[in-house]
Amino acid sequence: MGKASRRKKVNGPVKPALPVIPHVARPFEGLSIERELIAMREIIPAATLRATLNKDYENREITFVTVLPDAATAMVRADGEVLVALQTRSRTGDNSHDLGVAVEAALDHAKRVAAGEAQPAVISVDVRVAGPRIGDIVETWGEMEIHEDLAYWLVPGSAESEEVQKAIEESASELIPTKAIPGTQYTYWHDMNKIFVRWIRDEDETLLFSALARIAAKEKLTLGHDSRFIGAFRAAGLSIPVFEFPGEVAAEDLTDAVNALEKELAAALQEKTPLSEDERRIRAGLVSRQVSLR
């Protein structure tokens, strides 16, 4: 049998190979909304963020959300509103690319809904295909809003079925109570049987941990109320220190403590003298307790 006869026959057209999406350690770098996107992707259970796309997308307004039904990537509501989620099952090595692909897919579906060619629905999106990064298509960002439930899935004021309403109510009982600490930036209070505060930082990691070590050496790495620093994790390229509280404390009662620690950090970041032996030891311990989220 000749070589030609041994070749496998292919039925139908050959699908083009998917592009290689390079890993980007800090996918939202350079965006004014970087820390809000990371918060929505990693630590807030229910939030929305409005955005206006650029003229290439007719300045269309869309809404980024934390999560959609079945951890889907995108959704077109019955009122035509486009929702794109950050907490999904489908990811490449570049979250910014994934959001750009999801936006384009959702806009395409929304156009077909408007033309009567499709129904409002949750959309399955293959984020592995080529597409724009989110910074290339968003013109302006709104403000992130934290919610107590997932009612943003529904058209405001709509009379949904009892089954849908029940699902929304049940989701509220399963979500971790989360609040932004008022009067501060990028600090989030969570009630997980114990109270935790997560503090999203965007400084260079080397400088940040040296500064935290200086503060810890002075026994000031705390948010009061007998809280303790328990470590940090890295998400989308940024470090997120975490504090634990032994008892109940309201988010509203932590404003002064967070702002005081912010001032301590600002001063420590400006310190140029080499770390002392004690500070170096503390720093090594802080670094060793940091984990990365994928």
Protein backbone atom coordinates (compact mmCIF):
# COMPACT_ATOMS: atom_id res chain seq x y z
CA MET A 1 0.00 0.00 0.00
CA GLY A 2 1.46 3.37 -1.01
CA LYS A 3 1.90 6.26 1.37
CA ALA A 4 -0.89 8.23 -0.28
CA SER A 5 -3.40 5.46 0.33
CA ARG A 6 -2.45 5.32 3.99
CA ARG A 7 -3.23 8.97 4.58
CA LYS A 8 -6.29 9.59 6.72
CA LYS A 9 -9.24 11.08 4.92
CA VAL A 10 -10.69 14.22 6.43
CA ASN A 11 -14.42 14.76 6.16
CA GLY A 12 -15.39 18.40 5.81
CA PRO A 13 -13.25 21.53 6.15
CA VAL A 14 -10.31 21.54 8.51
CA LYS A 15 -10.84 23.85 11.47
CA PRO A 16 -8.15 26.52 11.78
CA ALA A 17 -5.83 26.13 14.72
CA LEU A 18 -6.66 28.27 17.72
CA PRO A 19 -4.21 31.10 18.37
CA VAL A 20 -1.79 30.94 21.27
CA ILE A 21 -2.97 33.39 23.92
CA PRO A 22 0.16 34.46 25.84
CA HIS A 23 0.00 34.44 29.62
CA VAL A 24 -0.18 37.95 31.09
CA ALA A 25 0.69 38.08 34.78
CA ARG A 26 -0.96 41.47 35.29
CA PRO A 27 -3.78 41.49 32.71
CA PHE A 28 -5.45 44.76 33.77
CA GLU A 29 -2.27 46.81 34.19
CA GLY A 30 -2.67 50.40 33.02
CA LEU A 31 -6.45 50.46 33.45
CA SER A 32 -7.84 53.02 35.91
CA ILE A 33 -10.23 50.33 37.07
CA GLU A 34 -7.59 47.61 37.57
CA ARG A 35 -8.19 47.02 41.28
CA GLU A 36 -11.99 46.99 40.90
CA LEU A 37 -11.73 44.34 38.18
CA ILE A 38 -9.47 42.22 40.38
CA ALA A 39 -11.87 42.61 43.29
CA MET A 40 -14.77 41.47 41.10
CA ARG A 41 -12.76 38.59 39.71
CA GLU A 42 -11.45 37.27 43.02
CA ILE A 43 -13.04 38.53 46.22
CA ILE A 44 -16.51 40.06 45.74
CA PRO A 45 -19.44 37.69 45.22
CA ALA A 46 -21.95 40.12 43.70
CA ALA A 47 -21.07 43.40 42.00
CA THR A 48 -21.66 45.30 38.78
CA LEU A 49 -19.57 47.83 36.85
CA ARG A 50 -20.93 49.88 33.95
CA ALA A 51 -18.69 50.72 31.01
CA THR A 52 -19.03 52.65 27.74
CA LEU A 53 -17.29 51.13 24.73
CA ASN A 54 -15.40 53.21 22.19
CA LYS A 55 -16.67 54.47 18.83
CA ASP A 56 -15.67 51.25 17.06
CA TYR A 57 -18.48 49.68 19.10
CA GLU A 58 -20.89 52.63 18.66
CA ASN A 59 -20.24 53.79 22.22
CA ARG A 60 -22.49 51.00 23.46
CA GLU A 61 -22.98 50.76 27.22
CA ILE A 62 -22.55 47.33 28.82
CA THR A 63 -22.29 45.95 32.35
CA PHE A 64 -19.48 43.85 33.78
CA VAL A 65 -20.63 41.58 36.61
CA THR A 66 -19.02 39.19 39.06
CA VAL A 67 -20.94 36.06 38.13
CA LEU A 68 -23.76 34.82 35.86
CA PRO A 69 -25.94 31.68 35.95
CA ASP A 70 -23.86 28.48 35.72
CA ALA A 71 -20.69 30.61 35.82
CA ALA A 72 -21.36 31.60 32.20
CA THR A 73 -19.22 34.14 30.40
CA ALA A 74 -21.88 36.49 29.06
CA MET A 75 -25.61 37.11 28.92
CA VAL A 76 -28.10 39.24 27.01
CA ARG A 77 -31.09 40.14 29.19
CA ALA A 78 -34.64 40.50 27.92
CA ASP A 79 -34.22 44.28 27.84
CA GLY A 80 -31.16 43.96 25.59
CA GLU A 81 -28.66 44.72 28.36
CA VAL A 82 -25.30 43.00 27.82
CA LEU A 83 -23.72 41.43 30.92
CA VAL A 84 -20.15 40.08 30.89
CA ALA A 85 -18.82 38.12 33.87
CA LEU A 86 -15.38 37.99 35.44
CA GLN A 87 -15.88 34.84 37.53
CA THR A 88 -16.22 32.14 34.89
CA ARG A 89 -15.15 28.58 34.18
CA SER A 90 -13.50 29.50 30.86
CA ARG A 91 -10.16 31.28 31.03
CA THR A 92 -6.98 31.67 29.04
CA GLY A 93 -3.74 33.11 30.38
CA ASP A 94 -4.98 36.66 29.74
CA ASN A 95 -8.15 37.81 31.49
CA SER A 96 -8.15 41.08 29.57
CA HIS A 97 -8.31 39.17 26.28
CA ASP A 98 -11.06 36.90 27.63
CA LEU A 99 -13.25 39.88 28.52
CA GLY A 100 -12.71 41.45 25.11
CA VAL A 101 -13.74 38.24 23.33
CA ALA A 102 -16.77 37.88 25.59
CA VAL A 103 -17.90 41.46 24.92
CA GLU A 104 -17.73 40.97 21.15
CA ALA A 105 -19.66 37.68 21.34
CA ALA A 106 -22.32 39.22 23.57
CA LEU A 107 -22.71 42.26 21.31
CA ASP A 108 -23.15 39.98 18.30
CA HIS A 109 -25.86 38.04 20.13
CA ALA A 110 -27.55 41.27 21.24
CA LYS A 111 -27.74 42.42 17.61
CA ARG A 112 -29.39 39.16 16.61
CA VAL A 113 -31.85 39.50 19.49
CA ALA A 114 -32.73 43.03 18.34
CA ALA A 115 -33.28 41.71 14.80
CA GLY A 116 -35.54 38.92 16.03
CA GLU A 117 -33.05 36.25 15.03
CA ALA A 118 -32.22 35.05 18.56
CA GLN A 119 -33.60 35.04 22.09
CA PRO A 120 -32.21 36.75 25.19
CA ALA A 121 -30.05 34.14 26.87
CA VAL A 122 -26.91 33.13 28.67
CA ILE A 123 -24.18 32.79 26.04
CA SER A 124 -21.47 30.18 25.68
CA VAL A 125 -18.24 31.90 24.60
CA ASP A 126 -15.02 30.25 23.46
CA VAL A 127 -12.47 32.66 24.91
CA ARG A 128 -9.63 30.80 23.20
CA VAL A 129 -10.30 32.55 19.89
CA ALA A 130 -8.50 35.72 18.81
CA GLY A 131 -9.99 38.99 19.97
CA PRO A 132 -9.30 42.42 21.46
CA ARG A 133 -8.16 43.10 25.00
CA ILE A 134 -10.62 44.95 27.17
CA GLY A 135 -8.50 48.11 27.38
CA ASP A 136 -8.70 48.42 23.59
CA ILE A 137 -12.49 48.61 23.47
CA VAL A 138 -13.66 50.43 26.62
CA GLU A 139 -13.79 54.21 26.41
CA THR A 140 -14.93 55.06 29.96
CA TRP A 141 -15.61 53.17 33.17
CA GLY A 142 -18.33 53.78 35.73
CA GLU A 143 -18.21 52.97 39.43
CA MET A 144 -18.35 49.46 40.84
CA GLU A 145 -21.48 48.70 42.87
CA ILE A 146 -21.58 45.86 45.41
CA HIS A 147 -24.90 43.99 45.72
CA GLU A 148 -26.42 41.75 48.38
CA ASP A 149 -27.86 39.32 45.82
CA LEU A 150 -27.77 38.43 42.12
CA ALA A 151 -30.92 40.29 41.12
CA TYR A 152 -28.93 42.09 38.42
CA TRP A 153 -29.55 38.96 36.33
CA LEU A 154 -33.13 40.21 35.97
CA VAL A 155 -34.61 43.19 34.14
CA PRO A 156 -35.32 45.83 36.82
CA GLY A 157 -38.99 45.84 37.74
CA SER A 158 -39.76 42.71 35.75
CA ALA A 159 -42.30 40.18 36.97
CA GLU A 160 -40.22 37.03 36.78
CA SER A 161 -41.54 33.59 37.65
CA GLU A 162 -41.67 32.46 41.26
CA GLU A 163 -39.01 29.90 40.41
CA VAL A 164 -36.59 32.60 39.23
CA GLN A 165 -37.33 34.83 42.20
CA LYS A 166 -36.76 31.92 44.57
CA ALA A 167 -33.41 31.18 42.93
CA ILE A 168 -32.35 34.81 43.42
CA GLU A 169 -33.40 34.71 47.08
CA GLU A 170 -31.51 31.47 47.65
CA SER A 171 -28.41 32.91 46.04
CA ALA A 172 -28.46 35.77 48.54
CA SER A 173 -28.28 33.33 51.45
CA GLU A 174 -25.25 31.62 49.89
CA LEU A 175 -23.23 34.75 49.13
CA ILE A 176 -20.50 35.84 51.56
CA PRO A 177 -21.60 39.16 53.09
CA THR A 178 -19.20 41.71 51.63
CA LYS A 179 -18.86 45.49 51.95
CA ALA A 180 -16.42 48.14 50.85
CA ILE A 181 -15.06 49.85 53.95
CA PRO A 182 -16.45 53.41 53.69
CA GLY A 183 -14.02 56.29 53.37
CA THR A 184 -11.23 54.02 52.09
CA GLN A 185 -10.10 52.61 48.76
CA TYR A 186 -9.86 48.96 47.74
CA THR A 187 -10.47 47.50 51.20
CA TYR A 188 -13.24 44.92 51.51
CA TRP A 189 -14.91 43.53 54.63
CA HIS A 190 -16.13 39.92 54.56
CA ASP A 191 -18.15 37.95 57.09
CA MET A 192 -17.07 34.30 56.80
CA ASN A 193 -18.02 33.20 60.32
CA LYS A 194 -14.99 35.31 61.20
CA ILE A 195 -14.47 38.83 59.91
CA PHE A 196 -11.74 39.33 57.30
CA VAL A 197 -10.51 42.43 55.50
CA ARG A 198 -8.74 42.21 52.16
CA TRP A 199 -6.66 45.17 51.00
CA ILE A 200 -5.76 45.34 47.31
CA ARG A 201 -2.38 47.01 46.68
CA ASP A 202 -0.80 47.98 43.37
CA GLU A 203 2.74 48.83 44.50
CA ASP A 204 5.77 46.93 43.27
CA GLU A 205 5.71 43.72 45.28
CA THR A 206 9.34 44.00 46.43
CA LEU A 207 8.77 47.49 47.79
CA LEU A 208 5.41 46.58 49.29
CA PHE A 209 6.71 43.69 51.38
CA SER A 210 9.68 45.68 52.60
CA ALA A 211 7.28 48.41 53.72
CA LEU A 212 4.97 45.91 55.40
CA ALA A 213 7.97 44.42 57.23
CA ARG A 214 8.94 47.86 58.54
CA ILE A 215 5.39 48.37 59.83
CA ALA A 216 5.23 44.89 61.36
CA ALA A 217 8.52 45.47 63.18
CA LYS A 218 6.86 48.42 64.92
CA GLU A 219 3.86 46.20 65.73
CA LYS A 220 1.58 48.44 63.68
CA LEU A 221 0.58 45.97 60.96
CA THR A 222 -2.97 45.78 62.27
CA LEU A 223 -6.43 47.24 61.80
CA GLY A 224 -7.14 47.38 65.52
CA HIS A 225 -9.89 45.42 67.28
CA ASP A 226 -7.29 42.71 68.08
CA SER A 227 -6.94 42.00 64.35
CA ARG A 228 -3.89 40.29 62.95
CA PHE A 229 -2.24 40.17 59.56
CA ILE A 230 -2.52 36.55 58.37
CA GLY A 231 -0.79 36.74 54.99
CA ALA A 232 -1.35 37.86 51.44
CA PHE A 233 -2.27 36.38 48.12
CA ARG A 234 -1.41 37.44 44.60
CA ALA A 235 -4.23 37.86 42.07
CA ALA A 236 -3.90 39.15 38.50
CA GLY A 237 -0.45 40.45 39.36
CA LEU A 238 -1.32 42.41 42.51
CA SER A 239 -0.77 41.56 46.16
CA ILE A 240 -3.76 41.45 48.53
CA PRO A 241 -2.90 41.53 52.26
CA VAL A 242 -5.50 39.90 54.53
CA PHE A 243 -6.43 40.71 58.12
CA GLU A 244 -8.46 38.53 60.48
CA PHE A 245 -10.58 39.67 63.44
CA PRO A 246 -11.34 37.45 66.46
CA GLY A 247 -14.75 39.04 67.08
CA GLU A 248 -17.51 40.99 65.42
CA VAL A 249 -16.65 44.35 63.91
CA ALA A 250 -18.66 46.39 61.40
CA ALA A 251 -17.15 47.65 58.16
CA GLU A 252 -18.18 51.16 59.16
CA ASP A 253 -16.04 50.94 62.30
CA LEU A 254 -12.82 50.26 60.38
CA THR A 255 -12.47 53.47 58.38
CA ASP A 256 -10.06 55.20 60.77
CA ALA A 257 -7.91 52.08 61.22
CA VAL A 258 -7.57 51.51 57.47
CA ASN A 259 -6.67 55.14 56.83
CA ALA A 260 -4.12 55.07 59.67
CA LEU A 261 -2.48 51.98 58.19
CA GLU A 262 -2.53 53.62 54.76
CA LYS A 263 -0.49 56.51 56.19
CA GLU A 264 1.94 54.08 57.84
CA LEU A 265 2.39 52.30 54.52
CA ALA A 266 2.95 55.53 52.59
CA ALA A 267 5.68 56.53 55.02
CA ALA A 268 7.28 53.08 54.99
CA LEU A 269 7.35 53.06 51.20
CA GLN A 270 9.37 56.27 51.27
CA GLU A 271 11.95 54.86 53.72
CA LYS A 272 15.29 54.33 51.98
CA THR A 273 17.45 52.91 54.74
CA PRO A 274 18.29 49.19 54.48
CA LEU A 275 16.06 46.82 56.43
CA SER A 276 17.32 45.85 59.85
CA GLU A 277 18.03 42.22 60.65
CA ASP A 278 14.67 41.95 62.42
CA GLU A 279 12.86 43.58 59.51
CA ARG A 280 14.53 41.22 57.02
CA ARG A 281 13.43 38.24 59.09
CA ILE A 282 9.86 39.55 59.23
CA ARG A 283 9.87 40.26 55.52
CA ALA A 284 10.98 36.72 54.70
CA GLY A 285 8.08 35.41 56.77
CA LEU A 286 5.57 37.68 55.01
CA VAL A 287 6.78 36.67 51.55
CA SER A 288 6.74 32.96 52.39
CA ARG A 289 3.06 33.18 53.32
CA GLN A 290 1.94 34.75 50.04
CA VAL A 291 0.15 32.45 47.58
CA SER A 292 -0.81 33.02 43.96
CA LEU A 293 -4.32 32.53 42.61
CA ARG A 294 -4.72 31.28 39.05
